[in-house]
PDB file of N, CA and C in Angstrom:
ATOM      1  N   MET A   1       0.829  -1.183   0.000  1.00  0.00           N
ATOM      2  CA  MET A   1       0.000   0.000   0.000  1.00  0.00           C
ATOM      3  C   MET A   1       0.869   1.240   0.000  1.00  0.00           C
ATOM      4  N   LEU A   2       1.906   1.238   0.763  1.00  0.00           N
ATOM      5  CA  LEU A   2       2.817   2.369   0.813  1.00  0.00           C
ATOM      6  C   LEU A   2       3.482   2.577  -0.532  1.00  0.00           C
ATOM      7  N   THR A   3       3.751   1.552  -1.238  1.00  0.00           N
ATOM      8  CA  THR A   3       4.396   1.661  -2.535  1.00  0.00           C
ATOM      9  C   THR A   3       3.463   2.319  -3.547  1.00  0.00           C
ATOM     10  N   ALA A   4       2.194   1.955  -3.593  1.00  0.00           N
ATOM     11  CA  ALA A   4       1.239   2.567  -4.514  1.00  0.00           C
ATOM     12  C   ALA A   4       1.048   4.043  -4.196  1.00  0.00           C
ATOM     13  N   THR A   5       1.002   4.388  -2.929  1.00  0.00           N
ATOM     14  CA  THR A   5       0.837   5.780  -2.529  1.00  0.00           C
ATOM     15  C   THR A   5       2.048   6.600  -2.935  1.00  0.00           C
ATOM     16  N   THR A   6       3.236   6.082  -2.711  1.00  0.00           N
ATOM     17  CA  THR A   6       4.441   6.833  -3.083  1.00  0.00           C
ATOM     18  C   THR A   6       4.554   6.964  -4.595  1.00  0.00           C
ATOM     19  N   GLU A   7       4.116   5.970  -5.360  1.00  0.00           N
ATOM     20  CA  GLU A   7       4.149   6.059  -6.820  1.00  0.00           C
ATOM     21  C   GLU A   7       3.211   7.159  -7.321  1.00  0.00           C
ATOM     22  N   VAL A   8       2.019   7.209  -6.756  1.00  0.00           N
ATOM     23  CA  VAL A   8       1.062   8.240  -7.172  1.00  0.00           C
ATOM     24  C   VAL A   8       1.564   9.622  -6.796  1.00  0.00           C
ATOM     25  N   LEU A   9       2.134   9.756  -5.612  1.00  0.00           N
ATOM     26  CA  LEU A   9       2.665  11.049  -5.192  1.00  0.00           C
ATOM     27  C   LEU A   9       3.873  11.452  -6.019  1.00  0.00           C
ATOM     28  N   ALA A  10       4.660  10.509  -6.453  1.00  0.00           N
ATOM     29  CA  ALA A  10       5.860  10.814  -7.221  1.00  0.00           C
ATOM     30  C   ALA A  10       5.524  11.186  -8.660  1.00  0.00           C
ATOM     31  N   HIS A  11       4.541  10.549  -9.261  1.00  0.00           N
ATOM     32  CA  HIS A  11       4.245  10.770 -10.672  1.00  0.00           C
ATOM     33  C   HIS A  11       2.999  11.621 -10.906  1.00  0.00           C
ATOM     34  N   GLY A  12       2.266  11.986  -9.909  1.00  0.00           N
ATOM     35  CA  GLY A  12       1.100  12.835 -10.065  1.00  0.00           C
ATOM     36  C   GLY A  12      -0.161  12.046 -10.345  1.00  0.00           C
ATOM     37  N   PRO A  13      -1.290  12.727 -10.446  1.00  0.00           N
ATOM     38  CA  PRO A  13      -2.576  12.045 -10.634  1.00  0.00           C
ATOM     39  C   PRO A  13      -2.738  11.421 -12.026  1.00  0.00           C
ATOM     40  N   GLN A  14      -1.899  11.822 -13.007  1.00  0.00           N
ATOM     41  CA  GLN A  14      -2.030  11.268 -14.344  1.00  0.00           C
ATOM     42  C   GLN A  14      -1.295   9.946 -14.492  1.00  0.00           C
ATOM     43  N   TYR A  15      -0.740   9.443 -13.466  1.00  0.00           N
ATOM     44  CA  TYR A  15       0.070   8.234 -13.540  1.00  0.00           C
ATOM     45  C   TYR A  15      -0.734   7.083 -14.128  1.00  0.00           C
ATOM     46  N   GLY A  16      -0.270   6.587 -15.247  1.00  0.00           N
ATOM     47  CA  GLY A  16      -0.902   5.431 -15.848  1.00  0.00           C
ATOM     48  C   GLY A  16      -1.742   5.745 -17.074  1.00  0.00           C
ATOM     49  N   TRP A  17      -2.187   6.967 -17.270  1.00  0.00           N
ATOM     50  CA  TRP A  17      -3.016   7.249 -18.444  1.00  0.00           C
ATOM     51  C   TRP A  17      -2.499   8.392 -19.304  1.00  0.00           C
ATOM     52  N   GLY A  18      -1.418   8.984 -19.022  1.00  0.00           N
ATOM     53  CA  GLY A  18      -0.738   9.927 -19.902  1.00  0.00           C
ATOM     54  C   GLY A  18      -1.244  11.346 -19.902  1.00  0.00           C
ATOM     55  N   GLY A  19      -2.110  11.711 -19.011  1.00  0.00           N
ATOM     56  CA  GLY A  19      -2.576  13.089 -18.938  1.00  0.00           C
ATOM     57  C   GLY A  19      -3.751  13.359 -19.853  1.00  0.00           C
ATOM     58  N   PRO A  20      -4.184  14.621 -19.925  1.00  0.00           N
ATOM     59  CA  PRO A  20      -5.389  14.941 -20.680  1.00  0.00           C
ATOM     60  C   PRO A  20      -5.205  14.845 -22.190  1.00  0.00           C
ATOM     61  N   GLY A  21      -4.029  15.024 -22.697  1.00  0.00           N
ATOM     62  CA  GLY A  21      -3.813  14.935 -24.131  1.00  0.00           C
ATOM     63  C   GLY A  21      -4.378  16.135 -24.870  1.00  0.00           C
ATOM     64  N   PRO A  22      -4.557  16.018 -26.176  1.00  0.00           N
ATOM     65  CA  PRO A  22      -5.027  17.161 -26.972  1.00  0.00           C
ATOM     66  C   PRO A  22      -6.503  17.489 -26.747  1.00  0.00           C
ATOM     67  N   PHE A  23      -7.274  16.561 -26.198  1.00  0.00           N
ATOM     68  CA  PHE A  23      -8.692  16.816 -25.984  1.00  0.00           C
ATOM     69  C   PHE A  23      -8.937  17.869 -24.921  1.00  0.00           C
ATOM     70  N   PHE A  24      -7.934  18.153 -24.113  1.00  0.00           N
ATOM     71  CA  PHE A  24      -8.044  19.198 -23.104  1.00  0.00           C
ATOM     72  C   PHE A  24      -8.320  20.550 -23.766  1.00  0.00           C
ATOM     73  N   PHE A  25      -7.779  20.778 -24.960  1.00  0.00           N
ATOM     74  CA  PHE A  25      -7.980  22.041 -25.667  1.00  0.00           C
ATOM     75  C   PHE A  25      -9.076  21.942 -26.733  1.00  0.00           C
ATOM     76  N   ILE A  26      -9.293  20.774 -27.286  1.00  0.00           N
ATOM     77  CA  ILE A  26     -10.239  20.635 -28.391  1.00  0.00           C
ATOM     78  C   ILE A  26     -11.691  20.743 -27.921  1.00  0.00           C
ATOM     79  N   PHE A  27     -12.053  20.095 -26.837  1.00  0.00           N
ATOM     80  CA  PHE A  27     -13.448  20.110 -26.395  1.00  0.00           C
ATOM     81  C   PHE A  27     -13.934  21.506 -25.978  1.00  0.00           C
ATOM     82  N   PRO A  28     -13.177  22.274 -25.210  1.00  0.00           N
ATOM     83  CA  PRO A  28     -13.655  23.648 -24.936  1.00  0.00           C
ATOM     84  C   PRO A  28     -13.772  24.493 -26.208  1.00  0.00           C
ATOM     85  N   LEU A  29     -12.866  24.275 -27.152  1.00  0.00           N
ATOM     86  CA  LEU A  29     -12.946  25.004 -28.414  1.00  0.00           C
ATOM     87  C   LEU A  29     -14.208  24.628 -29.185  1.00  0.00           C
ATOM     88  N   LEU A  30     -14.553  23.352 -29.206  1.00  0.00           N
ATOM     89  CA  LEU A  30     -15.774  22.918 -29.878  1.00  0.00           C
ATOM     90  C   LEU A  30     -17.023  23.490 -29.213  1.00  0.00           C
ATOM     91  N   TRP A  31     -17.044  23.529 -27.885  1.00  0.00           N
ATOM     92  CA  TRP A  31     -18.193  24.118 -27.194  1.00  0.00           C
ATOM     93  C   TRP A  31     -18.311  25.601 -27.500  1.00  0.00           C
ATOM     94  N   PHE A  32     -17.186  26.301 -27.540  1.00  0.00           N
ATOM     95  CA  PHE A  32     -17.209  27.726 -27.861  1.00  0.00           C
ATOM     96  C   PHE A  32     -17.727  27.946 -29.275  1.00  0.00           C
ATOM     97  N   LEU A  33     -17.265  27.146 -30.244  1.00  0.00           N
ATOM     98  CA  LEU A  33     -17.734  27.285 -31.621  1.00  0.00           C
ATOM     99  C   LEU A  33     -19.229  27.000 -31.744  1.00  0.00           C
ATOM    100  N   LEU A  34     -19.718  26.019 -31.018  1.00  0.00           N
ATOM    101  CA  LEU A  34     -21.146  25.717 -31.034  1.00  0.00           C
ATOM    102  C   LEU A  34     -21.956  26.892 -30.482  1.00  0.00           C
ATOM    103  N   PHE A  35     -21.530  27.443 -29.367  1.00  0.00           N
ATOM    104  CA  PHE A  35     -22.211  28.587 -28.755  1.00  0.00           C
ATOM    105  C   PHE A  35     -22.181  29.798 -29.687  1.00  0.00           C
ATOM    106  N   ALA A  36     -21.026  30.090 -30.289  1.00  0.00           N
ATOM    107  CA  ALA A  36     -20.904  31.231 -31.198  1.00  0.00           C
ATOM    108  C   ALA A  36     -21.785  31.048 -32.428  1.00  0.00           C
ATOM    109  N   THR A  37     -21.905  29.844 -32.933  1.00  0.00           N
ATOM    110  CA  THR A  37     -22.749  29.579 -34.096  1.00  0.00           C
ATOM    111  C   THR A  37     -24.218  29.816 -33.772  1.00  0.00           C
ATOM    112  N   VAL A  38     -24.645  29.362 -32.609  1.00  0.00           N
ATOM    113  CA  VAL A  38     -26.046  29.568 -32.211  1.00  0.00           C
ATOM    114  C   VAL A  38     -26.342  31.059 -32.065  1.00  0.00           C
ATOM    115  N   VAL A  39     -25.460  31.801 -31.433  1.00  0.00           N
ATOM    116  CA  VAL A  39     -25.659  33.247 -31.264  1.00  0.00           C
ATOM    117  C   VAL A  39     -25.676  33.942 -32.621  1.00  0.00           C
ATOM    118  N   PHE A  40     -24.776  33.556 -33.515  1.00  0.00           N
ATOM    119  CA  PHE A  40     -24.729  34.158 -34.846  1.00  0.00           C
ATOM    120  C   PHE A  40     -26.015  33.894 -35.617  1.00  0.00           C
ATOM    121  N   LEU A  41     -26.515  32.678 -35.575  1.00  0.00           N
ATOM    122  CA  LEU A  41     -27.735  32.349 -36.313  1.00  0.00           C
ATOM    123  C   LEU A  41     -28.957  33.082 -35.762  1.00  0.00           C
ATOM    124  N   ILE A  42     -29.042  33.211 -34.453  1.00  0.00           N
ATOM    125  CA  ILE A  42     -30.165  33.942 -33.856  1.00  0.00           C
ATOM    126  C   ILE A  42     -30.099  35.417 -34.227  1.00  0.00           C
ATOM    127  N   ALA A  43     -28.911  36.019 -34.166  1.00  0.00           N
ATOM    128  CA  ALA A  43     -28.767  37.435 -34.515  1.00  0.00           C
ATOM    129  C   ALA A  43     -29.061  37.667 -35.993  1.00  0.00           C
ATOM    130  N   ARG A  44     -28.612  36.775 -36.847  1.00  0.00           N
ATOM    131  CA  ARG A  44     -28.865  36.914 -38.279  1.00  0.00           C
ATOM    132  C   ARG A  44     -30.352  36.796 -38.592  1.00  0.00           C
ATOM    133  N   ARG A  45     -30.997  35.884 -37.934  1.00  0.00           N
ATOM    134  CA  ARG A  45     -32.432  35.689 -38.145  1.00  0.00           C
ATOM    135  C   ARG A  45     -33.216  36.912 -37.670  1.00  0.00           C
ATOM    136  N   ALA A  46     -32.789  37.502 -36.553  1.00  0.00           N
ATOM    137  CA  ALA A  46     -33.470  38.685 -36.020  1.00  0.00           C
ATOM    138  C   ALA A  46     -33.274  39.887 -36.927  1.00  0.00           C
ATOM    139  N   ARG A  47     -32.093  40.025 -37.543  1.00  0.00           N
ATOM    140  CA  ARG A  47     -31.842  41.157 -38.430  1.00  0.00           C
ATOM    141  C   ARG A  47     -32.633  41.059 -39.718  1.00  0.00           C
ATOM    142  N   ARG A  48     -32.945  39.861 -40.164  1.00  0.00           N
ATOM    143  CA  ARG A  48     -33.682  39.692 -41.415  1.00  0.00           C
ATOM    144  C   ARG A  48     -35.098  40.227 -41.312  1.00  0.00           C
ATOM    145  N   GLY A  49     -35.665  40.208 -40.130  1.00  0.00           N
ATOM    146  CA  GLY A  49     -36.982  40.776 -39.919  1.00  0.00           C
ATOM    147  C   GLY A  49     -38.083  39.995 -40.594  1.00  0.00           C
ATOM    148  N   ALA A  50     -39.039  40.719 -41.154  1.00  0.00           N
ATOM    149  CA  ALA A  50     -40.221  40.086 -41.740  1.00  0.00           C
ATOM    150  C   ALA A  50     -39.874  39.315 -43.005  1.00  0.00           C
ATOM    151  N   ARG A  51     -38.764  39.654 -43.664  1.00  0.00           N
ATOM    152  CA  ARG A  51     -38.389  38.929 -44.872  1.00  0.00           C
ATOM    153  C   ARG A  51     -38.111  37.467 -44.577  1.00  0.00           C
ATOM    154  N   GLY A  52     -37.553  37.181 -43.400  1.00  0.00           N
ATOM    155  CA  GLY A  52     -37.217  35.817 -43.059  1.00  0.00           C
ATOM    156  C   GLY A  52     -38.377  35.059 -42.438  1.00  0.00           C
ATOM    157  N   GLY A  53     -39.485  35.717 -42.173  1.00  0.00           N
ATOM    158  CA  GLY A  53     -40.623  35.045 -41.590  1.00  0.00           C
ATOM    159  C   GLY A  53     -40.693  35.207 -40.088  1.00  0.00           C
ATOM    160  N   TRP A  54     -39.592  35.482 -39.451  1.00  0.00           N
ATOM    161  CA  TRP A  54     -39.583  35.675 -38.003  1.00  0.00           C
ATOM    162  C   TRP A  54     -38.636  36.808 -37.705  1.00  0.00           C
ATOM    163  N   GLY A  55     -39.083  37.785 -36.983  1.00  0.00           N
ATOM    164  CA  GLY A  55     -38.214  38.894 -36.674  1.00  0.00           C
ATOM    165  C   GLY A  55     -38.458  39.428 -35.286  1.00  0.00           C
ATOM    166  N   GLY A  56     -39.543  39.006 -34.674  1.00  0.00           N
ATOM    167  CA  GLY A  56     -39.842  39.486 -33.342  1.00  0.00           C
ATOM    168  C   GLY A  56     -40.075  40.981 -33.352  1.00  0.00           C
ATOM    169  N   PRO A  57     -39.797  41.648 -32.257  1.00  0.00           N
ATOM    170  CA  PRO A  57     -40.030  43.088 -32.192  1.00  0.00           C
ATOM    171  C   PRO A  57     -39.068  43.886 -33.066  1.00  0.00           C
ATOM    172  N   TRP A  58     -37.961  43.256 -33.517  1.00  0.00           N
ATOM    173  CA  TRP A  58     -36.994  43.978 -34.331  1.00  0.00           C
ATOM    174  C   TRP A  58     -37.514  44.225 -35.726  1.00  0.00           C
ATOM    175  N   ALA A  59     -38.494  43.473 -36.170  1.00  0.00           N
ATOM    176  CA  ALA A  59     -38.976  43.583 -37.538  1.00  0.00           C
ATOM    177  C   ALA A  59     -40.245  44.414 -37.649  1.00  0.00           C
ATOM    178  N   ALA A  60     -40.658  45.073 -36.596  1.00  0.00           N
ATOM    179  CA  ALA A  60     -41.912  45.840 -36.632  1.00  0.00           C
ATOM    180  C   ALA A  60     -41.839  46.979 -37.635  1.00  0.00           C
ATOM    181  N   HIS A  61     -40.690  47.607 -37.774  1.00  0.00           N
ATOM    182  CA  HIS A  61     -40.577  48.730 -38.702  1.00  0.00           C
ATOM    183  C   HIS A  61     -40.622  48.288 -40.154  1.00  0.00           C
ATOM    184  N   THR A  62     -40.210  47.084 -40.473  1.00  0.00           N
ATOM    185  CA  THR A  62     -40.237  46.633 -41.855  1.00  0.00           C
ATOM    186  C   THR A  62     -41.641  46.238 -42.292  1.00  0.00           C
ATOM    187  N   ALA A  63     -42.487  45.846 -41.352  1.00  0.00           N
ATOM    188  CA  ALA A  63     -43.847  45.468 -41.719  1.00  0.00           C
ATOM    189  C   ALA A  63     -44.667  46.692 -42.118  1.00  0.00           C
ATOM    190  N   ALA A  64     -44.348  47.855 -41.559  1.00  0.00           N
ATOM    191  CA  ALA A  64     -45.096  49.069 -41.846  1.00  0.00           C
ATOM    192  C   ALA A  64     -44.761  49.632 -43.226  1.00  0.00           C
ATOM    193  N   GLY A  65     -43.627  49.335 -43.766  1.00  0.00           N
ATOM    194  CA  GLY A  65     -43.217  49.851 -45.073  1.00  0.00           C
ATOM    195  C   GLY A  65     -41.777  50.262 -45.037  1.00  0.00           C
ATOM    196  N   ALA A  66     -41.155  50.247 -46.181  1.00  0.00           N
ATOM    197  CA  ALA A  66     -39.723  50.525 -46.228  1.00  0.00           C
ATOM    198  C   ALA A  66     -39.420  52.004 -46.003  1.00  0.00           C
ATOM    199  N   ASP A  67     -40.139  52.881 -46.676  1.00  0.00           N
ATOM    200  CA  ASP A  67     -39.850  54.298 -46.516  1.00  0.00           C
ATOM    201  C   ASP A  67     -41.130  55.107 -46.728  1.00  0.00           C
ATOM    202  N   PRO A  68     -41.130  56.370 -46.346  1.00  0.00           N
ATOM    203  CA  PRO A  68     -42.347  57.181 -46.446  1.00  0.00           C
ATOM    204  C   PRO A  68     -42.797  57.429 -47.881  1.00  0.00           C
ATOM    205  N   VAL A  69     -41.865  57.497 -48.817  1.00  0.00           N
ATOM    206  CA  VAL A  69     -42.245  57.737 -50.209  1.00  0.00           C
ATOM    207  C   VAL A  69     -43.064  56.555 -50.736  1.00  0.00           C
ATOM    208  N   THR A  70     -42.665  55.338 -50.375  1.00  0.00           N
ATOM    209  CA  THR A  70     -43.420  54.157 -50.793  1.00  0.00           C
ATOM    210  C   THR A  70     -44.810  54.151 -50.181  1.00  0.00           C
ATOM    211  N   LEU A  71     -44.901  54.492 -48.900  1.00  0.00           N
ATOM    212  CA  LEU A  71     -46.215  54.552 -48.255  1.00  0.00           C
ATOM    213  C   LEU A  71     -47.107  55.605 -48.901  1.00  0.00           C
ATOM    214  N   LEU A  72     -46.510  56.732 -49.235  1.00  0.00           N
ATOM    215  CA  LEU A  72     -47.282  57.788 -49.897  1.00  0.00           C
ATOM    216  C   LEU A  72     -47.777  57.311 -51.257  1.00  0.00           C
ATOM    217  N   GLY A  73     -46.930  56.613 -51.986  1.00  0.00           N
ATOM    218  CA  GLY A  73     -47.339  56.073 -53.281  1.00  0.00           C
ATOM    219  C   GLY A  73     -48.475  55.069 -53.152  1.00  0.00           C
ATOM    220  N   HIS A  74     -48.434  54.238 -52.118  1.00  0.00           N
ATOM    221  CA  HIS A  74     -49.516  53.271 -51.888  1.00  0.00           C
ATOM    222  C   HIS A  74     -50.825  53.991 -51.552  1.00  0.00           C
ATOM    223  N   ARG A  75     -50.745  55.034 -50.751  1.00  0.00           N
ATOM    224  CA  ARG A  75     -51.959  55.791 -50.412  1.00  0.00           C
ATOM    225  C   ARG A  75     -52.559  56.444 -51.641  1.00  0.00           C
ATOM    226  N   PHE A  76     -51.696  56.978 -52.517  1.00  0.00           N
ATOM    227  CA  PHE A  76     -52.181  57.591 -53.748  1.00  0.00           C
ATOM    228  C   PHE A  76     -52.803  56.540 -54.671  1.00  0.00           C
ATOM    229  N   ALA A  77     -52.183  55.366 -54.756  1.00  0.00           N
ATOM    230  CA  ALA A  77     -52.697  54.300 -55.616  1.00  0.00           C
ATOM    231  C   ALA A  77     -54.040  53.778 -55.104  1.00  0.00           C
ATOM    232  N   ARG A  78     -54.246  53.773 -53.803  1.00  0.00           N
ATOM    233  CA  ARG A  78     -55.518  53.311 -53.243  1.00  0.00           C
ATOM    234  C   ARG A  78     -56.603  54.374 -53.331  1.00  0.00           C
ATOM    235  N   GLY A  79     -56.224  55.600 -53.659  1.00  0.00           N
ATOM    236  CA  GLY A  79     -57.208  56.659 -53.784  1.00  0.00           C
ATOM    237  C   GLY A  79     -57.497  57.389 -52.484  1.00  0.00           C
ATOM    238  N   GLU A  80     -56.674  57.216 -51.480  1.00  0.00           N
ATOM    239  CA  GLU A  80     -56.885  57.902 -50.199  1.00  0.00           C
ATOM    240  C   GLU A  80     -56.567  59.384 -50.295  1.00  0.00           C
ATOM    241  N   ILE A  81     -55.643  59.755 -51.179  1.00  0.00           N
ATOM    242  CA  ILE A  81     -55.272  61.158 -51.367  1.00  0.00           C
ATOM    243  C   ILE A  81     -55.331  61.470 -52.856  1.00  0.00           C
ATOM    244  N   ASP A  82     -55.545  62.766 -53.167  1.00  0.00           N
ATOM    245  CA  ASP A  82     -55.601  63.151 -54.572  1.00  0.00           C
ATOM    246  C   ASP A  82     -54.204  63.522 -55.068  1.00  0.00           C
ATOM    247  N   GLU A  83     -54.130  63.869 -56.363  1.00  0.00           N
ATOM    248  CA  GLU A  83     -52.824  64.121 -56.977  1.00  0.00           C
ATOM    249  C   GLU A  83     -52.146  65.363 -56.406  1.00  0.00           C
ATOM    250  N   ALA A  84     -52.906  66.395 -56.108  1.00  0.00           N
ATOM    251  CA  ALA A  84     -52.311  67.622 -55.565  1.00  0.00           C
ATOM    252  C   ALA A  84     -51.694  67.359 -54.188  1.00  0.00           C
ATOM    253  N   GLU A  85     -52.427  66.634 -53.355  1.00  0.00           N
ATOM    254  CA  GLU A  85     -51.892  66.325 -52.028  1.00  0.00           C
ATOM    255  C   GLU A  85     -50.681  65.402 -52.136  1.00  0.00           C
ATOM    256  N   TYR A  86     -50.736  64.450 -53.081  1.00  0.00           N
ATOM    257  CA  TYR A  86     -49.604  63.540 -53.282  1.00  0.00           C
ATOM    258  C   TYR A  86     -48.359  64.322 -53.672  1.00  0.00           C
ATOM    259  N   ARG A  87     -48.499  65.235 -54.621  1.00  0.00           N
ATOM    260  CA  ARG A  87     -47.332  65.994 -55.095  1.00  0.00           C
ATOM    261  C   ARG A  87     -46.791  66.916 -54.009  1.00  0.00           C
ATOM    262  N   SER A  88     -47.672  67.538 -53.240  1.00  0.00           N
ATOM    263  CA  SER A  88     -47.192  68.436 -52.184  1.00  0.00           C
ATOM    264  C   SER A  88     -46.473  67.656 -51.081  1.00  0.00           C
ATOM    265  N   ARG A  89     -47.023  66.517 -50.705  1.00  0.00           N
ATOM    266  CA  ARG A  89     -46.365  65.709 -49.670  1.00  0.00           C
ATOM    267  C   ARG A  89     -45.060  65.107 -50.169  1.00  0.00           C
ATOM    268  N   LEU A  90     -45.042  64.726 -51.442  1.00  0.00           N
ATOM    269  CA  LEU A  90     -43.822  64.181 -52.018  1.00  0.00           C
ATOM    270  C   LEU A  90     -42.724  65.242 -52.054  1.00  0.00           C
ATOM    271  N   ALA A  91     -43.089  66.477 -52.368  1.00  0.00           N
ATOM    272  CA  ALA A  91     -42.111  67.569 -52.379  1.00  0.00           C
ATOM    273  C   ALA A  91     -41.547  67.797 -50.986  1.00  0.00           C
ATOM    274  N   VAL A  92     -42.390  67.715 -49.963  1.00  0.00           N
ATOM    275  CA  VAL A  92     -41.921  67.889 -48.583  1.00  0.00           C
ATOM    276  C   VAL A  92     -40.987  66.751 -48.192  1.00  0.00           C
ATOM    277  N   LEU A  93     -41.337  65.533 -48.569  1.00  0.00           N
ATOM    278  CA  LEU A  93     -40.483  64.396 -48.227  1.00  0.00           C
ATOM    279  C   LEU A  93     -39.126  64.475 -48.915  1.00  0.00           C
ATOM    280  N   ARG A  94     -39.114  64.894 -50.155  1.00  0.00           N
ATOM    281  CA  ARG A  94     -37.850  64.966 -50.899  1.00  0.00           C
ATOM    282  C   ARG A  94     -37.001  66.154 -50.477  1.00  0.00           C
ATOM    283  N   SER A  95     -37.611  67.204 -49.943  1.00  0.00           N
ATOM    284  CA  SER A  95     -36.833  68.369 -49.514  1.00  0.00           C
ATOM    285  C   SER A  95     -36.109  68.102 -48.201  1.00  0.00           C
ATOM    286  N   GLY A  96     -36.630  67.191 -47.382  1.00  0.00           N
ATOM    287  CA  GLY A  96     -35.979  66.864 -46.115  1.00  0.00           C
ATOM    288  C   GLY A  96     -36.318  67.823 -44.997  1.00  0.00           C
ATOM    289  N   GLU A  97     -37.203  68.777 -45.253  1.00  0.00           N
ATOM    290  CA  GLU A  97     -37.599  69.731 -44.221  1.00  0.00           C
ATOM    291  C   GLU A  97     -38.721  69.136 -43.388  1.00  0.00           C
ATOM    292  N   PRO A  98     -38.896  69.643 -42.171  1.00  0.00           N
ATOM    293  CA  PRO A  98     -40.015  69.150 -41.356  1.00  0.00           C
ATOM    294  C   PRO A  98     -41.340  69.528 -41.993  1.00  0.00           C
ATOM    295  N   THR A  99     -42.336  68.746 -41.706  1.00  0.00           N
ATOM    296  CA  THR A  99     -43.650  68.983 -42.300  1.00  0.00           C
ATOM    297  C   THR A  99     -44.272  70.253 -41.724  1.00  0.00           C
ATOM    298  N   PRO A 100     -44.984  71.003 -42.576  1.00  0.00           N
ATOM    299  CA  PRO A 100     -45.651  72.209 -42.063  1.00  0.00           C
ATOM    300  C   PRO A 100     -46.829  71.803 -41.189  1.00  0.00           C
ATOM    301  N   PRO A 101     -47.264  72.701 -40.321  1.00  0.00           N
ATOM    302  CA  PRO A 101     -48.413  72.367 -39.477  1.00  0.00           C
ATOM    303  C   PRO A 101     -49.639  72.131 -40.343  1.00  0.00           C
ATOM    304  N   ALA A 102     -50.367  71.092 -40.015  1.00  0.00           N
ATOM    305  CA  ALA A 102     -51.542  70.714 -40.803  1.00  0.00           C
ATOM    306  C   ALA A 102     -52.703  71.641 -40.499  1.00  0.00           C
ATOM    307  N   THR A 103     -53.493  71.889 -41.508  1.00  0.00           N
ATOM    308  CA  THR A 103     -54.703  72.674 -41.281  1.00  0.00           C
ATOM    309  C   THR A 103     -55.747  71.745 -40.685  1.00  0.00           C
ATOM    310  N   PRO A 104     -56.483  72.224 -39.694  1.00  0.00           N
ATOM    311  CA  PRO A 104     -57.443  71.324 -39.060  1.00  0.00           C
ATOM    312  C   PRO A 104     -58.560  70.946 -40.015  1.00  0.00           C
ATOM    313  N   GLY A 105     -58.834  69.675 -40.075  1.00  0.00           N
ATOM    314  CA  GLY A 105     -59.924  69.168 -40.902  1.00  0.00           C
ATOM    315  C   GLY A 105     -61.194  69.077 -40.079  1.00  0.00           C
ATOM    316  N   PRO A 106     -62.269  68.593 -40.665  1.00  0.00           N
ATOM    317  CA  PRO A 106     -63.537  68.497 -39.926  1.00  0.00           C
ATOM    318  C   PRO A 106     -63.438  67.565 -38.722  1.00  0.00           C
ATOM    319  N   GLN A 107     -62.594  66.554 -38.776  1.00  0.00           N
ATOM    320  CA  GLN A 107     -62.478  65.633 -37.653  1.00  0.00           C
ATOM    321  C   GLN A 107     -61.636  66.223 -36.519  1.00  0.00           C
ATOM    322  N   ASP A 108     -60.839  67.260 -36.817  1.00  0.00           N
ATOM    323  CA  ASP A 108     -59.978  67.847 -35.796  1.00  0.00           C
ATOM    324  C   ASP A 108     -60.639  69.006 -35.050  1.00  0.00           C
ATOM    325  N   GLN A 109     -61.765  69.514 -35.538  1.00  0.00           N
ATOM    326  CA  GLN A 109     -62.408  70.654 -34.904  1.00  0.00           C
ATOM    327  C   GLN A 109     -63.255  70.187 -33.724  1.00  0.00           C
ATOM    328  N   PRO A 110     -63.333  71.031 -32.684  1.00  0.00           N
ATOM    329  CA  PRO A 110     -64.156  70.649 -31.533  1.00  0.00           C
ATOM    330  C   PRO A 110     -65.626  70.656 -31.914  1.00  0.00           C
ATOM    331  N   PRO A 111     -66.442  69.867 -31.214  1.00  0.00           N
ATOM    332  CA  PRO A 111     -67.877  69.841 -31.543  1.00  0.00           C
ATOM    333  C   PRO A 111     -68.510  71.205 -31.288  1.00  0.00           C
ATOM    334  N   ALA A 112     -69.530  71.489 -32.077  1.00  0.00           N
ATOM    335  CA  ALA A 112     -70.226  72.767 -31.947  1.00  0.00           C
ATOM    336  C   ALA A 112     -71.006  72.805 -30.646  1.00  0.00           C
ATOM    337  N   ASP A 113     -71.065  74.012 -30.046  1.00  0.00           N
ATOM    338  CA  ASP A 113     -71.787  74.188 -28.801  1.00  0.00           C
ATOM    339  C   ASP A 113     -73.274  74.339 -29.112  1.00  0.00           C
ATOM    340  N   ASP A 114     -74.120  73.626 -28.409  1.00  0.00           N
ATOM    341  CA  ASP A 114     -75.564  73.647 -28.660  1.00  0.00           C
ATOM    342  C   ASP A 114     -76.265  74.825 -27.988  1.00  0.00           C
ATOM    343  N   GLY A 115     -75.550  75.744 -27.416  1.00  0.00           N
ATOM    344  CA  GLY A 115     -76.147  76.888 -26.761  1.00  0.00           C
ATOM    345  C   GLY A 115     -76.491  76.602 -25.306  1.00  0.00           C
ATOM    346  N   ARG A 116     -75.886  75.649 -24.730  1.00  0.00           N
ATOM    347  CA  ARG A 116     -76.179  75.342 -23.323  1.00  0.00           C
ATOM    348  C   ARG A 116     -75.317  76.132 -22.415  1.00  0.00           C
TER     349      ARG A 116
END
């Protein structure tokens, strides 16, 4: 018994099996590559947005439309706005200036007082 104990103490805990070998470095590297691949795929999928079919909250802006000029064109094509309004809004969008204050329409005016 004393001989086995002194042999282990003299040669260390790897006595008899040669130590960890190259797998000591390979397995942590493989785990890191697996983790990095999963993170990369999730981030790539999230950046794709609605085009990829899944985008979560990151793709909300792409579902509304790519840019304001396209949305304006769709509104004009559907007949929601006339040609004069389309051209004036398009000029404002292309100039890059802030929009002028809107004139109040019938829906924006307060209700009439009934004389009470």
